[in-house]
Amino acid sequence: MFFRQRAAANATLSYLFGCAGHQMAIAVDVVAGDEGWFIAEAASAGARLVHVIDTHVHADHYSGGPELARRTGAAYHLHESNRGRVQFDFAALTDGQRLEAGNVVIDVLHTPGHTPDSVCLVVRDLRRGDEPWFVITGDTLFVGAVGRPDLAGHEHTMAAQLHDTLHSKLLCLPAELEVYPGHQAGSACGVGLSGKPASTLGFERRFNPMLAMDKPAFIEALTAEIPPPPADMARIVQANLRGGRPTDALA
């Protein structure tokens, strides 16, 4: 497996990984303007992009995912709950679905709470074994923090849903799983994020303060300190729902 983590605009962390043997690559949470980097890095690994995934419809940055998919012929994926909401065609992801790229396998977890459409991606490299190696958590779980629950409104309801998601979907995974989040310190998508761009589930279970709380305490803590919304959020969300080309979105 080859693996790249890219620190992009707005403290966003994007990912490129795949199977060099079968020359297939996957891109996750691409920021508009970075499409050329993903194309060049895939080419340097001798791979072609087959899947482009956004872990949710982003509110803090323009997505480069649809444009990257258009430029490479890859399938562009969002969670199925975006049917009727997103104004362009996409390949719908469902909870428990498996995507394959040669020896690299992705199991999709629907993980609502930050947004209703959030997903996490559990990744295996079958050349090393059938156990999962890492999980890309989007804005559901960060290093030292969790995603904010208010961007879709109903922050108390979403916070309760996020608590359920964390404990029923993520924290039951193996402790040694590496965690690769969608943001690091400086992002508006959560409070208290670490500047370290990776962790493990075991370390987060022990030291992430939000994961030690029962549901009432979690809801109270998560809704007591909500930062201002991302700058230009309404315009960004509308552009991402249209799947507009970056030049259109940034005009």
C-alpha atoms as a PDB file:
ATOM      1  CA  MET A   1       0.000   0.000   0.000  1.00  0.00           C
ATOM      2  CA  PHE A   2       1.056   3.565  -0.626  1.00  0.00           C
ATOM      3  CA  PHE A   3      -0.292   6.313   1.628  1.00  0.00           C
ATOM      4  CA  ARG A   4      -0.123  10.098   1.555  1.00  0.00           C
ATOM      5  CA  GLN A   5      -1.591  12.575   4.027  1.00  0.00           C
ATOM      6  CA  ARG A   6      -1.873  16.158   2.751  1.00  0.00           C
ATOM      7  CA  ALA A   7      -2.235  19.181   5.029  1.00  0.00           C
ATOM      8  CA  ALA A   8      -4.428  21.516   3.006  1.00  0.00           C
ATOM      9  CA  ALA A   9      -6.260  24.811   3.489  1.00  0.00           C
ATOM     10  CA  ASN A  10      -8.294  25.495   6.658  1.00  0.00           C
ATOM     11  CA  ALA A  11      -6.352  22.886   8.652  1.00  0.00           C
ATOM     12  CA  THR A  12      -7.923  20.185   6.492  1.00  0.00           C
ATOM     13  CA  LEU A  13      -6.241  16.793   6.185  1.00  0.00           C
ATOM     14  CA  SER A  14      -6.753  15.009   2.869  1.00  0.00           C
ATOM     15  CA  TYR A  15      -5.684  11.500   1.888  1.00  0.00           C
ATOM     16  CA  LEU A  16      -4.417   9.532  -1.073  1.00  0.00           C
ATOM     17  CA  PHE A  17      -3.748   5.814  -0.746  1.00  0.00           C
ATOM     18  CA  GLY A  18      -4.067   2.647  -2.727  1.00  0.00           C
ATOM     19  CA  CYS A  19      -2.625  -0.539  -4.138  1.00  0.00           C
ATOM     20  CA  ALA A  20       0.557  -0.122  -6.167  1.00  0.00           C
ATOM     21  CA  GLY A  21       0.449  -3.734  -7.356  1.00  0.00           C
ATOM     22  CA  HIS A  22      -2.944  -3.272  -9.009  1.00  0.00           C
ATOM     23  CA  GLN A  23      -2.282   0.400  -9.817  1.00  0.00           C
ATOM     24  CA  MET A  24      -5.434   1.725  -8.109  1.00  0.00           C
ATOM     25  CA  ALA A  25      -5.772   4.803  -5.874  1.00  0.00           C
ATOM     26  CA  ILE A  26      -8.380   6.384  -3.604  1.00  0.00           C
ATOM     27  CA  ALA A  27      -8.615  10.073  -2.682  1.00  0.00           C
ATOM     28  CA  VAL A  28     -10.484  11.332   0.369  1.00  0.00           C
ATOM     29  CA  ASP A  29     -11.644  14.855   1.324  1.00  0.00           C
ATOM     30  CA  VAL A  30      -9.884  16.680  -1.496  1.00  0.00           C
ATOM     31  CA  VAL A  31      -9.779  20.488  -1.164  1.00  0.00           C
ATOM     32  CA  ALA A  32     -10.519  22.552  -4.283  1.00  0.00           C
ATOM     33  CA  GLY A  33      -7.269  23.599  -5.921  1.00  0.00           C
ATOM     34  CA  ASP A  34      -5.417  20.438  -4.848  1.00  0.00           C
ATOM     35  CA  GLU A  35      -6.639  18.252  -7.712  1.00  0.00           C
ATOM     36  CA  GLY A  36      -3.326  18.511  -9.552  1.00  0.00           C
ATOM     37  CA  TRP A  37      -1.415  17.305  -6.503  1.00  0.00           C
ATOM     38  CA  PHE A  38      -3.570  14.170  -6.277  1.00  0.00           C
ATOM     39  CA  ILE A  39      -3.179  13.437  -9.977  1.00  0.00           C
ATOM     40  CA  ALA A  40       0.585  13.886  -9.803  1.00  0.00           C
ATOM     41  CA  GLU A  41       0.985  11.801  -6.622  1.00  0.00           C
ATOM     42  CA  ALA A  42      -1.145   8.983  -8.019  1.00  0.00           C
ATOM     43  CA  ALA A  43       0.950   9.018 -11.182  1.00  0.00           C
ATOM     44  CA  SER A  44       4.168   8.897  -9.138  1.00  0.00           C
ATOM     45  CA  ALA A  45       2.837   5.766  -7.447  1.00  0.00           C
ATOM     46  CA  GLY A  46       2.030   4.272 -10.851  1.00  0.00           C
ATOM     47  CA  ALA A  47      -1.695   4.254 -10.036  1.00  0.00           C
ATOM     48  CA  ARG A  48      -4.941   5.592 -11.453  1.00  0.00           C
ATOM     49  CA  LEU A  49      -7.667   7.082  -9.308  1.00  0.00           C
ATOM     50  CA  VAL A  50     -10.704   4.796  -9.079  1.00  0.00           C
ATOM     51  CA  HIS A  51     -12.549   6.211  -6.050  1.00  0.00           C
ATOM     52  CA  VAL A  52     -12.877   9.807  -4.824  1.00  0.00           C
ATOM     53  CA  ILE A  53     -14.702  10.134  -1.500  1.00  0.00           C
ATOM     54  CA  ASP A  54     -15.961  13.029   0.587  1.00  0.00           C
ATOM     55  CA  THR A  55     -16.682  11.959   4.160  1.00  0.00           C
ATOM     56  CA  HIS A  56     -19.564  14.480   4.187  1.00  0.00           C
ATOM     57  CA  VAL A  57     -20.702  17.644   2.422  1.00  0.00           C
ATOM     58  CA  HIS A  58     -18.135  20.090   3.762  1.00  0.00           C
ATOM     59  CA  ALA A  59     -19.030  23.450   5.298  1.00  0.00           C
ATOM     60  CA  ASP A  60     -15.560  24.922   5.806  1.00  0.00           C
ATOM     61  CA  HIS A  61     -13.913  24.428   2.408  1.00  0.00           C
ATOM     62  CA  TYR A  62     -14.797  23.974  -1.231  1.00  0.00           C
ATOM     63  CA  SER A  63     -14.517  20.334  -2.217  1.00  0.00           C
ATOM     64  CA  GLY A  64     -12.226  19.362  -5.060  1.00  0.00           C
ATOM     65  CA  GLY A  65     -13.670  15.847  -5.089  1.00  0.00           C
ATOM     66  CA  PRO A  66     -16.187  16.224  -7.926  1.00  0.00           C
ATOM     67  CA  GLU A  67     -13.660  18.016 -10.133  1.00  0.00           C
ATOM     68  CA  LEU A  68     -10.961  15.424  -9.422  1.00  0.00           C
ATOM     69  CA  ALA A  69     -13.409  12.664 -10.354  1.00  0.00           C
ATOM     70  CA  ARG A  70     -14.320  14.472 -13.569  1.00  0.00           C
ATOM     71  CA  ARG A  71     -10.667  14.907 -14.515  1.00  0.00           C
ATOM     72  CA  THR A  72      -9.679  11.288 -13.828  1.00  0.00           C
ATOM     73  CA  GLY A  73     -12.829   9.288 -14.576  1.00  0.00           C
ATOM     74  CA  ALA A  74     -12.971   8.001 -10.989  1.00  0.00           C
ATOM     75  CA  ALA A  75     -16.253   7.382  -9.202  1.00  0.00           C
ATOM     76  CA  TYR A  76     -17.223  10.190  -6.818  1.00  0.00           C
ATOM     77  CA  HIS A  77     -18.811   9.040  -3.545  1.00  0.00           C
ATOM     78  CA  LEU A  78     -21.000  10.567  -0.833  1.00  0.00           C
ATOM     79  CA  HIS A  79     -23.316   8.936   1.679  1.00  0.00           C
ATOM     80  CA  GLU A  80     -26.684   7.921   0.290  1.00  0.00           C
ATOM     81  CA  SER A  81     -28.552  10.380   2.545  1.00  0.00           C
ATOM     82  CA  ASN A  82     -27.463  13.104   0.111  1.00  0.00           C
ATOM     83  CA  ARG A  83     -29.792  11.783  -2.597  1.00  0.00           C
ATOM     84  CA  GLY A  84     -32.220  14.570  -3.431  1.00  0.00           C
ATOM     85  CA  ARG A  85     -30.009  17.081  -1.643  1.00  0.00           C
ATOM     86  CA  VAL A  86     -26.932  17.099  -3.857  1.00  0.00           C
ATOM     87  CA  GLN A  87     -27.604  18.544  -7.303  1.00  0.00           C
ATOM     88  CA  PHE A  88     -25.397  16.214  -9.346  1.00  0.00           C
ATOM     89  CA  ASP A  89     -24.847  12.506  -9.819  1.00  0.00           C
ATOM     90  CA  PHE A  90     -22.685  10.595  -7.347  1.00  0.00           C
ATOM     91  CA  ALA A  91     -22.057   7.008  -6.321  1.00  0.00           C
ATOM     92  CA  ALA A  92     -23.973   6.505  -3.079  1.00  0.00           C
ATOM     93  CA  LEU A  93     -22.261   4.963  -0.052  1.00  0.00           C
ATOM     94  CA  THR A  94     -24.214   2.776   2.374  1.00  0.00           C
ATOM     95  CA  ASP A  95     -23.398   1.629   5.887  1.00  0.00           C
ATOM     96  CA  GLY A  96     -21.420  -1.604   5.719  1.00  0.00           C
ATOM     97  CA  GLN A  97     -20.567  -1.228   2.037  1.00  0.00           C
ATOM     98  CA  ARG A  98     -17.152  -2.418   0.882  1.00  0.00           C
ATOM     99  CA  LEU A  99     -15.088  -0.641  -1.775  1.00  0.00           C
ATOM    100  CA  GLU A 100     -12.106  -2.377  -3.354  1.00  0.00           C
ATOM    101  CA  ALA A 101      -8.966  -1.093  -5.043  1.00  0.00           C
ATOM    102  CA  GLY A 102      -6.804  -4.122  -5.645  1.00  0.00           C
ATOM    103  CA  ASN A 103      -5.488  -5.347  -2.289  1.00  0.00           C
ATOM    104  CA  VAL A 104      -6.806  -2.252  -0.519  1.00  0.00           C
ATOM    105  CA  VAL A 105     -10.300  -2.640   0.920  1.00  0.00           C
ATOM    106  CA  ILE A 106     -12.481   0.058   2.486  1.00  0.00           C
ATOM    107  CA  ASP A 107     -15.447  -0.676   4.746  1.00  0.00           C
ATOM    108  CA  VAL A 108     -17.865   2.238   5.007  1.00  0.00           C
ATOM    109  CA  LEU A 109     -19.350   3.208   8.369  1.00  0.00           C
ATOM    110  CA  HIS A 110     -22.223   5.679   8.462  1.00  0.00           C
ATOM    111  CA  THR A 111     -21.303   7.870  11.442  1.00  0.00           C
ATOM    112  CA  PRO A 112     -23.856  10.693  11.828  1.00  0.00           C
ATOM    113  CA  GLY A 113     -23.438  13.373  14.478  1.00  0.00           C
ATOM    114  CA  HIS A 114     -21.187  16.052  13.043  1.00  0.00           C
ATOM    115  CA  THR A 115     -23.510  16.004  10.037  1.00  0.00           C
ATOM    116  CA  PRO A 116     -26.272  13.548   9.124  1.00  0.00           C
ATOM    117  CA  ASP A 117     -24.290  12.252   6.138  1.00  0.00           C
ATOM    118  CA  SER A 118     -20.893  11.710   7.799  1.00  0.00           C
ATOM    119  CA  VAL A 119     -19.016   8.496   7.101  1.00  0.00           C
ATOM    120  CA  CYS A 120     -15.794   6.942   8.360  1.00  0.00           C
ATOM    121  CA  LEU A 121     -13.627   4.614   6.295  1.00  0.00           C
ATOM    122  CA  VAL A 122     -12.054   1.480   7.789  1.00  0.00           C
ATOM    123  CA  VAL A 123      -9.123   0.421   5.597  1.00  0.00           C
ATOM    124  CA  ARG A 124      -7.430  -2.944   5.159  1.00  0.00           C
ATOM    125  CA  ASP A 125      -4.395  -3.980   3.148  1.00  0.00           C
ATOM    126  CA  LEU A 126      -5.049  -7.611   2.247  1.00  0.00           C
ATOM    127  CA  ARG A 127      -1.366  -8.198   1.498  1.00  0.00           C
ATOM    128  CA  ARG A 128      -0.704  -7.676   5.210  1.00  0.00           C
ATOM    129  CA  GLY A 129      -3.776  -9.476   6.506  1.00  0.00           C
ATOM    130  CA  ASP A 130      -7.533  -9.239   6.853  1.00  0.00           C
ATOM    131  CA  GLU A 131      -7.484  -7.089   9.984  1.00  0.00           C
ATOM    132  CA  PRO A 132      -8.170  -3.351   9.568  1.00  0.00           C
ATOM    133  CA  TRP A 133      -5.088  -1.127   9.618  1.00  0.00           C
ATOM    134  CA  PHE A 134      -6.474   2.379   9.962  1.00  0.00           C
ATOM    135  CA  VAL A 135      -9.648   4.434   9.945  1.00  0.00           C
ATOM    136  CA  ILE A 136     -10.205   7.780   8.253  1.00  0.00           C
ATOM    137  CA  THR A 137     -12.622   9.538  10.581  1.00  0.00           C
ATOM    138  CA  GLY A 138     -13.505  12.721   8.697  1.00  0.00           C
ATOM    139  CA  ASP A 139     -15.003  15.232  11.126  1.00  0.00           C
ATOM    140  CA  THR A 140     -16.471  12.585  13.451  1.00  0.00           C
ATOM    141  CA  LEU A 141     -13.390  11.960  15.623  1.00  0.00           C
ATOM    142  CA  PHE A 142     -10.317  14.173  15.824  1.00  0.00           C
ATOM    143  CA  VAL A 143      -7.086  13.767  17.730  1.00  0.00           C
ATOM    144  CA  GLY A 144      -8.044  15.011  21.194  1.00  0.00           C
ATOM    145  CA  ALA A 145     -11.544  16.161  20.228  1.00  0.00           C
ATOM    146  CA  VAL A 146     -14.733  15.324  18.332  1.00  0.00           C
ATOM    147  CA  GLY A 147     -16.675  17.105  15.594  1.00  0.00           C
ATOM    148  CA  ARG A 148     -18.947  20.041  16.330  1.00  0.00           C
ATOM    149  CA  PRO A 149     -22.658  19.068  16.263  1.00  0.00           C
ATOM    150  CA  ASP A 150     -24.354  22.297  15.187  1.00  0.00           C
ATOM    151  CA  LEU A 151     -23.661  22.768  11.479  1.00  0.00           C
ATOM    152  CA  ALA A 152     -26.880  21.005  10.464  1.00  0.00           C
ATOM    153  CA  GLY A 153     -28.868  22.630  13.297  1.00  0.00           C
ATOM    154  CA  HIS A 154     -30.434  20.799  16.279  1.00  0.00           C
ATOM    155  CA  GLU A 155     -27.118  20.672  18.096  1.00  0.00           C
ATOM    156  CA  HIS A 156     -28.400  18.785  21.156  1.00  0.00           C
ATOM    157  CA  THR A 157     -29.984  16.067  19.017  1.00  0.00           C
ATOM    158  CA  MET A 158     -26.880  15.827  16.847  1.00  0.00           C
ATOM    159  CA  ALA A 159     -24.599  15.719  19.885  1.00  0.00           C
ATOM    160  CA  ALA A 160     -26.590  12.784  21.250  1.00  0.00           C
ATOM    161  CA  GLN A 161     -26.318  11.067  17.885  1.00  0.00           C
ATOM    162  CA  LEU A 162     -22.570  11.699  17.784  1.00  0.00           C
ATOM    163  CA  HIS A 163     -22.156  10.085  21.218  1.00  0.00           C
ATOM    164  CA  ASP A 164     -24.041   7.016  19.999  1.00  0.00           C
ATOM    165  CA  THR A 165     -21.985   6.896  16.814  1.00  0.00           C
ATOM    166  CA  LEU A 166     -18.662   7.101  18.633  1.00  0.00           C
ATOM    167  CA  HIS A 167     -19.510   4.353  21.097  1.00  0.00           C
ATOM    168  CA  SER A 168     -21.373   1.986  18.768  1.00  0.00           C
ATOM    169  CA  LYS A 169     -19.359   2.396  15.563  1.00  0.00           C
ATOM    170  CA  LEU A 170     -15.798   3.574  16.301  1.00  0.00           C
ATOM    171  CA  LEU A 171     -14.807   2.717  19.860  1.00  0.00           C
ATOM    172  CA  CYS A 172     -15.689  -0.936  19.358  1.00  0.00           C
ATOM    173  CA  LEU A 173     -12.984  -1.214  16.687  1.00  0.00           C
ATOM    174  CA  PRO A 174      -9.517  -2.576  17.611  1.00  0.00           C
ATOM    175  CA  ALA A 175      -7.459  -0.308  19.873  1.00  0.00           C
ATOM    176  CA  GLU A 176      -4.396  -0.514  17.618  1.00  0.00           C
ATOM    177  CA  LEU A 177      -6.230   1.020  14.654  1.00  0.00           C
ATOM    178  CA  GLU A 178      -4.552   4.187  13.439  1.00  0.00           C
ATOM    179  CA  VAL A 179      -6.832   7.245  13.357  1.00  0.00           C
ATOM    180  CA  TYR A 180      -6.514   9.743  10.515  1.00  0.00           C
ATOM    181  CA  PRO A 181      -8.933  12.663  10.993  1.00  0.00           C
ATOM    182  CA  GLY A 182     -10.248  15.267   8.585  1.00  0.00           C
ATOM    183  CA  HIS A 183      -8.711  18.225  10.428  1.00  0.00           C
ATOM    184  CA  GLN A 184      -5.991  19.237  12.847  1.00  0.00           C
ATOM    185  CA  ALA A 185      -5.578  22.254  15.146  1.00  0.00           C
ATOM    186  CA  GLY A 186      -6.809  25.472  13.561  1.00  0.00           C
ATOM    187  CA  SER A 187     -10.002  24.051  12.106  1.00  0.00           C
ATOM    188  CA  ALA A 188     -13.427  25.560  12.804  1.00  0.00           C
ATOM    189  CA  CYS A 189     -15.003  22.083  12.741  1.00  0.00           C
ATOM    190  CA  GLY A 190     -14.284  21.290  16.385  1.00  0.00           C
ATOM    191  CA  VAL A 191     -12.827  22.553  19.663  1.00  0.00           C
ATOM    192  CA  GLY A 192      -9.539  21.453  21.220  1.00  0.00           C
ATOM    193  CA  LEU A 193      -8.060  19.643  18.226  1.00  0.00           C
ATOM    194  CA  SER A 194      -4.459  18.544  18.527  1.00  0.00           C
ATOM    195  CA  GLY A 195      -1.818  19.705  16.087  1.00  0.00           C
ATOM    196  CA  LYS A 196      -0.757  16.069  15.733  1.00  0.00           C
ATOM    197  CA  PRO A 197      -2.327  14.734  12.536  1.00  0.00           C
ATOM    198  CA  ALA A 198      -2.792  11.094  13.601  1.00  0.00           C
ATOM    199  CA  SER A 199      -3.427   8.900  16.632  1.00  0.00           C
ATOM    200  CA  THR A 200      -4.755   5.451  17.517  1.00  0.00           C
ATOM    201  CA  LEU A 201      -8.150   4.453  18.839  1.00  0.00           C
ATOM    202  CA  GLY A 202      -6.539   3.108  21.996  1.00  0.00           C
ATOM    203  CA  PHE A 203      -4.783   6.395  22.714  1.00  0.00           C
ATOM    204  CA  GLU A 204      -7.952   8.382  22.051  1.00  0.00           C
ATOM    205  CA  ARG A 205      -9.964   6.096  24.357  1.00  0.00           C
ATOM    206  CA  ARG A 206      -7.494   6.847  27.155  1.00  0.00           C
ATOM    207  CA  PHE A 207      -6.762  10.530  26.610  1.00  0.00           C
ATOM    208  CA  ASN A 208      -9.528  12.152  24.547  1.00  0.00           C
ATOM    209  CA  PRO A 209     -11.667  13.778  27.261  1.00  0.00           C
ATOM    210  CA  MET A 210     -14.866  13.632  25.197  1.00  0.00           C
ATOM    211  CA  LEU A 211     -14.747   9.849  24.939  1.00  0.00           C
ATOM    212  CA  ALA A 212     -14.816   9.286  28.705  1.00  0.00           C
ATOM    213  CA  MET A 213     -18.137  11.088  29.234  1.00  0.00           C
ATOM    214  CA  ASP A 214     -21.577   9.554  29.550  1.00  0.00           C
ATOM    215  CA  LYS A 215     -24.187  10.845  27.124  1.00  0.00           C
ATOM    216  CA  PRO A 216     -25.668  13.693  29.249  1.00  0.00           C
ATOM    217  CA  ALA A 217     -22.198  15.042  30.129  1.00  0.00           C
ATOM    218  CA  PHE A 218     -21.062  14.679  26.511  1.00  0.00           C
ATOM    219  CA  ILE A 219     -24.057  16.639  25.198  1.00  0.00           C
ATOM    220  CA  GLU A 220     -23.592  19.363  27.792  1.00  0.00           C
ATOM    221  CA  ALA A 221     -19.869  19.719  27.126  1.00  0.00           C
ATOM    222  CA  LEU A 222     -20.155  19.619  23.344  1.00  0.00           C
ATOM    223  CA  THR A 223     -22.930  22.208  23.153  1.00  0.00           C
ATOM    224  CA  ALA A 224     -21.520  24.550  25.822  1.00  0.00           C
ATOM    225  CA  GLU A 225     -18.547  25.683  23.744  1.00  0.00           C
ATOM    226  CA  ILE A 226     -19.560  25.972  20.099  1.00  0.00           C
ATOM    227  CA  PRO A 227     -17.204  28.123  18.026  1.00  0.00           C
ATOM    228  CA  PRO A 228     -18.399  30.599  15.383  1.00  0.00           C
ATOM    229  CA  PRO A 229     -19.462  28.937  12.126  1.00  0.00           C
ATOM    230  CA  PRO A 230     -16.863  28.563   9.383  1.00  0.00           C
ATOM    231  CA  ALA A 231     -16.346  31.708   7.346  1.00  0.00           C
ATOM    232  CA  ASP A 232     -18.626  31.917   4.291  1.00  0.00           C
ATOM    233  CA  MET A 233     -20.284  28.636   5.325  1.00  0.00           C
ATOM    234  CA  ALA A 234     -23.581  29.082   3.430  1.00  0.00           C
ATOM    235  CA  ARG A 235     -21.824  29.823   0.142  1.00  0.00           C
ATOM    236  CA  ILE A 236     -19.409  26.917   0.569  1.00  0.00           C
ATOM    237  CA  VAL A 237     -22.182  24.420   1.349  1.00  0.00           C
ATOM    238  CA  GLN A 238     -24.259  25.542  -1.638  1.00  0.00           C
ATOM    239  CA  ALA A 239     -21.260  25.241  -3.962  1.00  0.00           C
ATOM    240  CA  ASN A 240     -20.499  21.752  -2.647  1.00  0.00           C
ATOM    241  CA  LEU A 241     -24.120  20.701  -3.089  1.00  0.00           C
ATOM    242  CA  ARG A 242     -23.902  21.826  -6.723  1.00  0.00           C
ATOM    243  CA  GLY A 243     -20.640  19.999  -7.311  1.00  0.00           C
ATOM    244  CA  GLY A 244     -19.377  23.151  -8.971  1.00  0.00           C
ATOM    245  CA  ARG A 245     -15.964  23.290 -10.486  1.00  0.00           C
ATOM    246  CA  PRO A 246     -13.443  25.033  -8.195  1.00  0.00           C
ATOM    247  CA  THR A 247     -13.152  28.003 -10.555  1.00  0.00           C
ATOM    248  CA  ASP A 248     -16.922  28.505 -10.287  1.00  0.00           C
ATOM    249  CA  ALA A 249     -16.970  28.110  -6.519  1.00  0.00           C
ATOM    250  CA  LEU A 250     -14.095  30.484  -5.903  1.00  0.00           C
ATOM    251  CA  ALA A 251     -15.263  33.185  -8.319  1.00  0.00           C
END
